[in-house]
Amino acid sequence: MRNLSDNRFAQRLIEDWKVYGKIIIATEYWDTLRHFKFNPQSECDQVISTLKLAKEVGAYVVVFTNGDEDMHEEIRTFCKGKGLEVDAINSNPIEMPYSNKNKVAYNWLLDVKTDLDTSLEILQFACYYMRSFKHPVTEQTVGF
């Protein structure tokens, strides 16, 4: 893994994590978590592994997809089968002081259409950085 300590996007994500103690990660379902046309499942599984790490460190995972509500159970079942608990689908996982109706609020987005490789690398870097960070408000330390 590259050292991304000088990467402004990595630093922004780390700062959000430090401020809030827990971040919100939005992720597409098709070809990001589950193979559809472009990404093989092995690459999708790397995303799932990183999301599980992020949840251990302190993150909500929101599946942000164009699927109808009748797909939600399929999405939850698939993710649970991979060991990933999803906090919300197409909605905010917690009450927000703004943006509760029209748009999912998130600190980080993983989507095959938005340079997934770089986004995943930055998230992994931030996860490993935050493993040893002690949050000043919650006093939470994630140790491994």
N, C-alpha and C. Protein backbone atom coordinates (compact mmCIF):
# COMPACT_ATOMS: atom_id res chain seq x y z
N MET A 1 0.85 -1.18 0.00
CA MET A 1 0.00 0.00 0.00
C MET A 1 0.89 1.24 0.00
N ARG A 2 0.52 2.17 -0.86
CA ARG A 2 1.26 3.44 -0.91
C ARG A 2 0.98 4.27 0.34
N ASN A 3 1.96 5.08 0.71
CA ASN A 3 1.77 6.04 1.79
C ASN A 3 1.02 7.23 1.20
N LEU A 4 -0.19 7.45 1.66
CA LEU A 4 -1.02 8.53 1.13
C LEU A 4 -1.14 9.69 2.11
N SER A 5 -0.15 9.83 2.99
CA SER A 5 -0.23 10.89 4.00
C SER A 5 -0.24 12.29 3.39
N ASP A 6 0.23 12.44 2.17
CA ASP A 6 0.20 13.74 1.50
C ASP A 6 -0.99 13.87 0.54
N ASN A 7 -1.82 12.87 0.46
CA ASN A 7 -2.97 12.90 -0.44
C ASN A 7 -4.09 13.70 0.22
N ARG A 8 -4.54 14.75 -0.43
CA ARG A 8 -5.54 15.63 0.20
C ARG A 8 -6.88 14.93 0.43
N PHE A 9 -7.23 13.97 -0.42
CA PHE A 9 -8.48 13.25 -0.22
C PHE A 9 -8.39 12.29 0.97
N ALA A 10 -7.26 11.65 1.13
CA ALA A 10 -7.04 10.78 2.28
C ALA A 10 -7.08 11.61 3.56
N GLN A 11 -6.44 12.77 3.53
CA GLN A 11 -6.42 13.63 4.72
C GLN A 11 -7.81 14.14 5.07
N ARG A 12 -8.60 14.46 4.05
CA ARG A 12 -9.97 14.91 4.32
C ARG A 12 -10.78 13.79 4.97
N LEU A 13 -10.64 12.57 4.47
CA LEU A 13 -11.37 11.44 5.03
C LEU A 13 -10.94 11.17 6.48
N ILE A 14 -9.64 11.21 6.72
CA ILE A 14 -9.12 11.01 8.08
C ILE A 14 -9.62 12.11 9.01
N GLU A 15 -9.63 13.34 8.55
CA GLU A 15 -10.11 14.44 9.39
C GLU A 15 -11.59 14.26 9.71
N ASP A 16 -12.39 13.86 8.73
CA ASP A 16 -13.81 13.58 9.00
C ASP A 16 -13.93 12.50 10.07
N TRP A 17 -13.13 11.45 9.95
CA TRP A 17 -13.18 10.34 10.90
C TRP A 17 -12.81 10.83 12.30
N LYS A 18 -11.81 11.68 12.38
CA LYS A 18 -11.40 12.22 13.68
C LYS A 18 -12.48 13.10 14.29
N VAL A 19 -13.12 13.91 13.48
CA VAL A 19 -14.14 14.83 13.98
C VAL A 19 -15.39 14.09 14.43
N TYR A 20 -15.86 13.16 13.61
CA TYR A 20 -17.15 12.51 13.87
C TYR A 20 -17.05 11.18 14.62
N GLY A 21 -15.87 10.56 14.62
CA GLY A 21 -15.71 9.28 15.31
C GLY A 21 -16.23 8.11 14.51
N LYS A 22 -17.18 8.36 13.64
CA LYS A 22 -17.76 7.33 12.78
C LYS A 22 -18.15 8.02 11.48
N ILE A 23 -17.78 7.43 10.37
CA ILE A 23 -18.09 8.03 9.07
C ILE A 23 -19.17 7.21 8.36
N ILE A 24 -19.71 7.80 7.30
CA ILE A 24 -20.69 7.12 6.47
C ILE A 24 -20.05 6.85 5.12
N ILE A 25 -20.06 5.57 4.73
CA ILE A 25 -19.53 5.17 3.44
C ILE A 25 -20.71 4.70 2.59
N ALA A 26 -20.89 5.34 1.44
CA ALA A 26 -21.91 4.92 0.49
C ALA A 26 -21.23 4.05 -0.56
N THR A 27 -21.93 3.01 -0.98
CA THR A 27 -21.38 2.12 -1.99
C THR A 27 -22.47 1.67 -2.95
N GLU A 28 -22.13 1.60 -4.21
CA GLU A 28 -23.03 1.02 -5.20
C GLU A 28 -23.08 -0.48 -4.97
N TYR A 29 -24.15 -1.12 -5.41
CA TYR A 29 -24.29 -2.56 -5.27
C TYR A 29 -23.70 -3.29 -6.48
N TRP A 30 -24.24 -2.98 -7.67
CA TRP A 30 -23.84 -3.71 -8.88
C TRP A 30 -22.43 -3.35 -9.30
N ASP A 31 -21.60 -4.35 -9.48
CA ASP A 31 -20.20 -4.24 -9.92
C ASP A 31 -19.30 -3.54 -8.91
N THR A 32 -19.83 -3.26 -7.73
CA THR A 32 -19.00 -2.74 -6.65
C THR A 32 -19.01 -3.75 -5.50
N LEU A 33 -20.20 -4.22 -5.12
CA LEU A 33 -20.31 -5.28 -4.12
C LEU A 33 -20.60 -6.63 -4.76
N ARG A 34 -21.33 -6.60 -5.87
CA ARG A 34 -21.73 -7.85 -6.53
C ARG A 34 -21.47 -7.76 -8.02
N HIS A 35 -20.85 -8.80 -8.56
CA HIS A 35 -20.56 -8.84 -9.99
C HIS A 35 -21.84 -8.66 -10.81
N PHE A 36 -21.73 -7.83 -11.85
CA PHE A 36 -22.84 -7.64 -12.78
C PHE A 36 -22.32 -7.77 -14.21
N LYS A 37 -21.51 -6.79 -14.66
CA LYS A 37 -20.97 -6.83 -16.02
C LYS A 37 -19.46 -6.58 -16.07
N PHE A 38 -18.98 -5.68 -15.25
CA PHE A 38 -17.63 -5.16 -15.41
C PHE A 38 -16.63 -5.79 -14.44
N ASN A 39 -16.87 -5.66 -13.16
CA ASN A 39 -15.93 -6.14 -12.15
C ASN A 39 -16.20 -7.61 -11.82
N PRO A 40 -15.15 -8.44 -11.81
CA PRO A 40 -15.35 -9.82 -11.36
C PRO A 40 -15.64 -9.83 -9.85
N GLN A 41 -16.27 -10.90 -9.37
CA GLN A 41 -16.63 -10.97 -7.95
C GLN A 41 -15.40 -10.88 -7.06
N SER A 42 -14.25 -11.37 -7.53
CA SER A 42 -13.04 -11.28 -6.71
C SER A 42 -12.68 -9.83 -6.39
N GLU A 43 -12.89 -8.92 -7.33
CA GLU A 43 -12.63 -7.49 -7.06
C GLU A 43 -13.71 -6.91 -6.16
N CYS A 44 -14.93 -7.33 -6.36
CA CYS A 44 -16.02 -6.88 -5.48
C CYS A 44 -15.76 -7.35 -4.04
N ASP A 45 -15.22 -8.56 -3.90
CA ASP A 45 -14.91 -9.07 -2.56
C ASP A 45 -13.84 -8.24 -1.86
N GLN A 46 -12.93 -7.62 -2.61
CA GLN A 46 -11.94 -6.71 -2.01
C GLN A 46 -12.64 -5.49 -1.42
N VAL A 47 -13.65 -5.00 -2.11
CA VAL A 47 -14.44 -3.87 -1.60
C VAL A 47 -15.13 -4.29 -0.31
N ILE A 48 -15.74 -5.46 -0.31
CA ILE A 48 -16.45 -5.95 0.87
C ILE A 48 -15.48 -6.10 2.05
N SER A 49 -14.30 -6.63 1.81
CA SER A 49 -13.30 -6.78 2.89
C SER A 49 -12.93 -5.43 3.47
N THR A 50 -12.75 -4.44 2.61
CA THR A 50 -12.39 -3.10 3.09
C THR A 50 -13.55 -2.48 3.86
N LEU A 51 -14.77 -2.69 3.41
CA LEU A 51 -15.92 -2.16 4.15
C LEU A 51 -16.05 -2.81 5.52
N LYS A 52 -15.76 -4.09 5.62
CA LYS A 52 -15.80 -4.77 6.93
C LYS A 52 -14.74 -4.17 7.85
N LEU A 53 -13.56 -3.89 7.32
CA LEU A 53 -12.51 -3.25 8.10
C LEU A 53 -12.97 -1.86 8.56
N ALA A 54 -13.57 -1.10 7.66
CA ALA A 54 -14.03 0.25 8.00
C ALA A 54 -15.09 0.20 9.10
N LYS A 55 -15.97 -0.78 9.05
CA LYS A 55 -16.98 -0.92 10.11
C LYS A 55 -16.33 -1.22 11.45
N GLU A 56 -15.28 -2.04 11.45
CA GLU A 56 -14.56 -2.33 12.69
C GLU A 56 -13.93 -1.07 13.25
N VAL A 57 -13.42 -0.22 12.38
CA VAL A 57 -12.76 1.02 12.81
C VAL A 57 -13.80 2.05 13.25
N GLY A 58 -14.96 2.07 12.58
CA GLY A 58 -16.03 2.99 12.93
C GLY A 58 -16.67 3.62 11.72
N ALA A 59 -17.55 2.89 11.07
CA ALA A 59 -18.22 3.42 9.87
C ALA A 59 -19.60 2.80 9.72
N TYR A 60 -20.49 3.58 9.16
CA TYR A 60 -21.77 3.07 8.70
C TYR A 60 -21.60 2.74 7.21
N VAL A 61 -22.25 1.70 6.75
CA VAL A 61 -22.23 1.35 5.34
C VAL A 61 -23.63 1.49 4.78
N VAL A 62 -23.74 2.32 3.73
CA VAL A 62 -25.01 2.55 3.06
C VAL A 62 -24.88 2.07 1.63
N VAL A 63 -25.76 1.18 1.21
CA VAL A 63 -25.81 0.80 -0.19
C VAL A 63 -26.66 1.85 -0.89
N PHE A 64 -26.05 2.52 -1.85
CA PHE A 64 -26.68 3.62 -2.58
C PHE A 64 -26.80 3.16 -4.02
N THR A 65 -27.99 2.70 -4.40
CA THR A 65 -28.17 2.06 -5.69
C THR A 65 -29.51 2.44 -6.29
N ASN A 66 -29.67 2.17 -7.56
CA ASN A 66 -30.94 2.53 -8.21
C ASN A 66 -31.98 1.42 -8.12
N GLY A 67 -31.69 0.35 -7.42
CA GLY A 67 -32.64 -0.74 -7.27
C GLY A 67 -33.87 -0.33 -6.48
N ASP A 68 -35.01 -0.89 -6.84
CA ASP A 68 -36.25 -0.62 -6.12
C ASP A 68 -36.22 -1.27 -4.74
N GLU A 69 -37.19 -0.88 -3.91
CA GLU A 69 -37.24 -1.42 -2.55
C GLU A 69 -37.38 -2.93 -2.52
N ASP A 70 -37.96 -3.52 -3.55
CA ASP A 70 -38.11 -4.97 -3.56
C ASP A 70 -36.77 -5.69 -3.68
N MET A 71 -35.70 -4.96 -4.02
CA MET A 71 -34.35 -5.53 -4.06
C MET A 71 -33.63 -5.47 -2.72
N HIS A 72 -34.14 -4.70 -1.78
CA HIS A 72 -33.43 -4.47 -0.52
C HIS A 72 -33.13 -5.76 0.22
N GLU A 73 -34.08 -6.68 0.26
CA GLU A 73 -33.85 -7.93 0.98
C GLU A 73 -32.76 -8.75 0.30
N GLU A 74 -32.76 -8.77 -1.03
CA GLU A 74 -31.71 -9.47 -1.78
C GLU A 74 -30.34 -8.86 -1.47
N ILE A 75 -30.26 -7.55 -1.43
CA ILE A 75 -29.01 -6.86 -1.14
C ILE A 75 -28.53 -7.21 0.26
N ARG A 76 -29.42 -7.12 1.24
CA ARG A 76 -29.05 -7.43 2.63
C ARG A 76 -28.60 -8.89 2.78
N THR A 77 -29.32 -9.80 2.13
CA THR A 77 -29.00 -11.22 2.21
C THR A 77 -27.64 -11.50 1.58
N PHE A 78 -27.38 -10.92 0.42
CA PHE A 78 -26.10 -11.11 -0.24
C PHE A 78 -24.96 -10.58 0.63
N CYS A 79 -25.10 -9.36 1.13
CA CYS A 79 -24.05 -8.76 1.95
C CYS A 79 -23.83 -9.55 3.23
N LYS A 80 -24.91 -9.96 3.88
CA LYS A 80 -24.79 -10.74 5.12
C LYS A 80 -24.08 -12.06 4.85
N GLY A 81 -24.36 -12.66 3.70
CA GLY A 81 -23.68 -13.90 3.32
C GLY A 81 -22.18 -13.71 3.13
N LYS A 82 -21.77 -12.49 2.85
CA LYS A 82 -20.35 -12.15 2.71
C LYS A 82 -19.77 -11.61 4.02
N GLY A 83 -20.59 -11.56 5.07
CA GLY A 83 -20.12 -11.09 6.37
C GLY A 83 -20.18 -9.59 6.55
N LEU A 84 -20.91 -8.91 5.68
CA LEU A 84 -21.01 -7.45 5.75
C LEU A 84 -22.41 -7.06 6.17
N GLU A 85 -22.52 -6.38 7.31
CA GLU A 85 -23.80 -5.84 7.76
C GLU A 85 -23.99 -4.46 7.15
N VAL A 86 -25.10 -4.29 6.46
CA VAL A 86 -25.43 -3.02 5.82
C VAL A 86 -26.29 -2.22 6.80
N ASP A 87 -25.96 -0.94 6.98
CA ASP A 87 -26.70 -0.11 7.93
C ASP A 87 -27.94 0.53 7.32
N ALA A 88 -27.91 0.78 6.01
CA ALA A 88 -29.06 1.38 5.34
C ALA A 88 -28.94 1.15 3.84
N ILE A 89 -30.07 1.23 3.16
CA ILE A 89 -30.10 1.15 1.70
C ILE A 89 -30.87 2.36 1.20
N ASN A 90 -30.20 3.18 0.41
CA ASN A 90 -30.79 4.38 -0.20
C ASN A 90 -31.38 5.36 0.82
N SER A 91 -30.85 5.35 2.03
CA SER A 91 -31.28 6.30 3.05
C SER A 91 -30.13 6.53 4.03
N ASN A 92 -30.24 7.59 4.79
CA ASN A 92 -29.22 7.86 5.79
C ASN A 92 -29.33 6.86 6.94
N PRO A 93 -28.19 6.38 7.44
CA PRO A 93 -28.23 5.40 8.53
C PRO A 93 -28.53 6.02 9.89
N ILE A 94 -28.38 7.32 9.97
CA ILE A 94 -28.64 8.06 11.22
C ILE A 94 -29.38 9.34 10.86
N GLU A 95 -30.02 9.93 11.84
CA GLU A 95 -30.67 11.23 11.63
C GLU A 95 -29.60 12.28 11.42
N MET A 96 -29.74 13.05 10.35
CA MET A 96 -28.76 14.08 10.02
C MET A 96 -29.35 15.45 10.35
N PRO A 97 -28.49 16.42 10.67
CA PRO A 97 -29.01 17.76 10.94
C PRO A 97 -29.49 18.45 9.66
N TYR A 98 -29.28 17.81 8.53
CA TYR A 98 -29.66 18.33 7.22
C TYR A 98 -29.79 17.12 6.28
N SER A 99 -30.27 17.31 5.11
CA SER A 99 -30.22 16.29 4.05
C SER A 99 -30.81 14.94 4.44
N ASN A 100 -32.00 14.93 5.01
CA ASN A 100 -32.58 13.65 5.41
C ASN A 100 -33.55 13.07 4.39
N LYS A 101 -33.92 13.81 3.37
CA LYS A 101 -34.97 13.34 2.49
C LYS A 101 -34.53 13.09 1.06
N ASN A 102 -33.74 13.95 0.48
CA ASN A 102 -33.49 13.87 -0.95
C ASN A 102 -32.18 13.23 -1.35
N LYS A 103 -31.24 13.13 -0.44
CA LYS A 103 -29.91 12.65 -0.80
C LYS A 103 -29.28 11.95 0.39
N VAL A 104 -28.63 10.84 0.12
CA VAL A 104 -27.87 10.17 1.16
C VAL A 104 -26.62 11.01 1.45
N ALA A 105 -26.39 11.30 2.70
CA ALA A 105 -25.19 12.03 3.10
C ALA A 105 -24.09 11.01 3.38
N TYR A 106 -22.91 11.23 2.85
CA TYR A 106 -21.81 10.29 3.06
C TYR A 106 -20.48 11.04 3.09
N ASN A 107 -19.51 10.42 3.75
CA ASN A 107 -18.15 10.95 3.79
C ASN A 107 -17.30 10.37 2.67
N TRP A 108 -17.67 9.17 2.20
CA TRP A 108 -16.87 8.49 1.17
C TRP A 108 -17.78 7.66 0.28
N LEU A 109 -17.44 7.61 -1.00
CA LEU A 109 -18.24 6.87 -1.98
C LEU A 109 -17.38 5.84 -2.68
N LEU A 110 -17.90 4.62 -2.76
CA LEU A 110 -17.26 3.57 -3.53
C LEU A 110 -18.22 3.18 -4.65
N ASP A 111 -17.77 3.36 -5.89
CA ASP A 111 -18.61 3.05 -7.05
C ASP A 111 -17.69 2.73 -8.21
N VAL A 112 -17.98 1.67 -8.91
CA VAL A 112 -17.15 1.24 -10.04
C VAL A 112 -17.06 2.34 -11.11
N LYS A 113 -18.00 3.25 -11.14
CA LYS A 113 -18.00 4.32 -12.14
C LYS A 113 -17.21 5.55 -11.70
N THR A 114 -16.60 5.51 -10.52
CA THR A 114 -15.89 6.70 -10.01
C THR A 114 -14.47 6.37 -9.56
N ASP A 115 -13.71 5.71 -10.38
CA ASP A 115 -12.33 5.32 -10.05
C ASP A 115 -12.28 4.55 -8.74
N LEU A 116 -12.91 3.41 -8.77
CA LEU A 116 -13.02 2.55 -7.59
C LEU A 116 -11.67 2.18 -7.01
N ASP A 117 -10.69 1.90 -7.86
CA ASP A 117 -9.37 1.48 -7.36
C ASP A 117 -8.75 2.54 -6.45
N THR A 118 -8.78 3.79 -6.88
CA THR A 118 -8.19 4.86 -6.07
C THR A 118 -9.02 5.12 -4.82
N SER A 119 -10.33 5.12 -4.96
CA SER A 119 -11.20 5.34 -3.79
C SER A 119 -10.99 4.25 -2.75
N LEU A 120 -10.83 3.03 -3.20
CA LEU A 120 -10.62 1.91 -2.29
C LEU A 120 -9.25 2.03 -1.61
N GLU A 121 -8.23 2.40 -2.36
CA GLU A 121 -6.89 2.56 -1.80
C GLU A 121 -6.88 3.65 -0.72
N ILE A 122 -7.56 4.75 -0.97
CA ILE A 122 -7.62 5.84 0.01
C ILE A 122 -8.36 5.38 1.26
N LEU A 123 -9.48 4.67 1.07
CA LEU A 123 -10.23 4.18 2.23
C LEU A 123 -9.40 3.19 3.04
N GLN A 124 -8.68 2.31 2.39
CA GLN A 124 -7.83 1.36 3.10
C GLN A 124 -6.76 2.10 3.90
N PHE A 125 -6.13 3.07 3.30
CA PHE A 125 -5.10 3.86 3.99
C PHE A 125 -5.71 4.53 5.23
N ALA A 126 -6.88 5.14 5.07
CA ALA A 126 -7.52 5.83 6.19
C ALA A 126 -7.90 4.83 7.30
N CYS A 127 -8.37 3.66 6.92
CA CYS A 127 -8.71 2.63 7.91
C CYS A 127 -7.50 2.25 8.75
N TYR A 128 -6.38 1.97 8.09
CA TYR A 128 -5.19 1.56 8.83
C TYR A 128 -4.65 2.71 9.68
N TYR A 129 -4.75 3.92 9.19
CA TYR A 129 -4.34 5.08 9.98
C TYR A 129 -5.22 5.19 11.23
N MET A 130 -6.53 5.05 11.05
CA MET A 130 -7.47 5.26 12.16
C MET A 130 -7.46 4.13 13.17
N ARG A 131 -6.90 2.99 12.83
CA ARG A 131 -6.86 1.88 13.80
C ARG A 131 -6.23 2.29 15.13
N SER A 132 -5.25 3.16 15.08
CA SER A 132 -4.54 3.54 16.30
C SER A 132 -4.95 4.91 16.83
N PHE A 133 -5.91 5.56 16.20
CA PHE A 133 -6.31 6.89 16.62
C PHE A 133 -7.30 6.81 17.77
N LYS A 134 -7.07 7.57 18.83
CA LYS A 134 -7.99 7.62 19.96
C LYS A 134 -8.84 8.88 19.82
N HIS A 135 -10.13 8.68 19.63
CA HIS A 135 -11.04 9.80 19.43
C HIS A 135 -11.17 10.61 20.72
N PRO A 136 -11.01 11.94 20.66
CA PRO A 136 -11.02 12.75 21.88
C PRO A 136 -12.38 12.80 22.59
N VAL A 137 -13.48 12.58 21.87
CA VAL A 137 -14.80 12.65 22.50
C VAL A 137 -15.23 11.28 23.00
N THR A 138 -15.15 10.27 22.13
CA THR A 138 -15.65 8.95 22.51
C THR A 138 -14.64 8.13 23.27
N GLU A 139 -13.35 8.55 23.24
CA GLU A 139 -12.27 7.80 23.87
C GLU A 139 -12.11 6.41 23.26
N GLN A 140 -12.73 6.20 22.11
CA GLN A 140 -12.67 4.90 21.47
C GLN A 140 -11.32 4.71 20.79
N THR A 141 -10.69 3.59 21.07
CA THR A 141 -9.47 3.19 20.38
C THR A 141 -9.73 1.85 19.75
N VAL A 142 -9.40 1.74 18.49
CA VAL A 142 -9.57 0.48 17.81
C VAL A 142 -8.19 -0.17 17.73
N GLY A 143 -8.00 -1.24 18.45
CA GLY A 143 -6.71 -1.91 18.45
C GLY A 143 -6.82 -3.30 17.89
N PHE A 144 -5.79 -3.73 17.20
CA PHE A 144 -5.76 -5.07 16.63
C PHE A 144 -4.45 -5.73 16.95
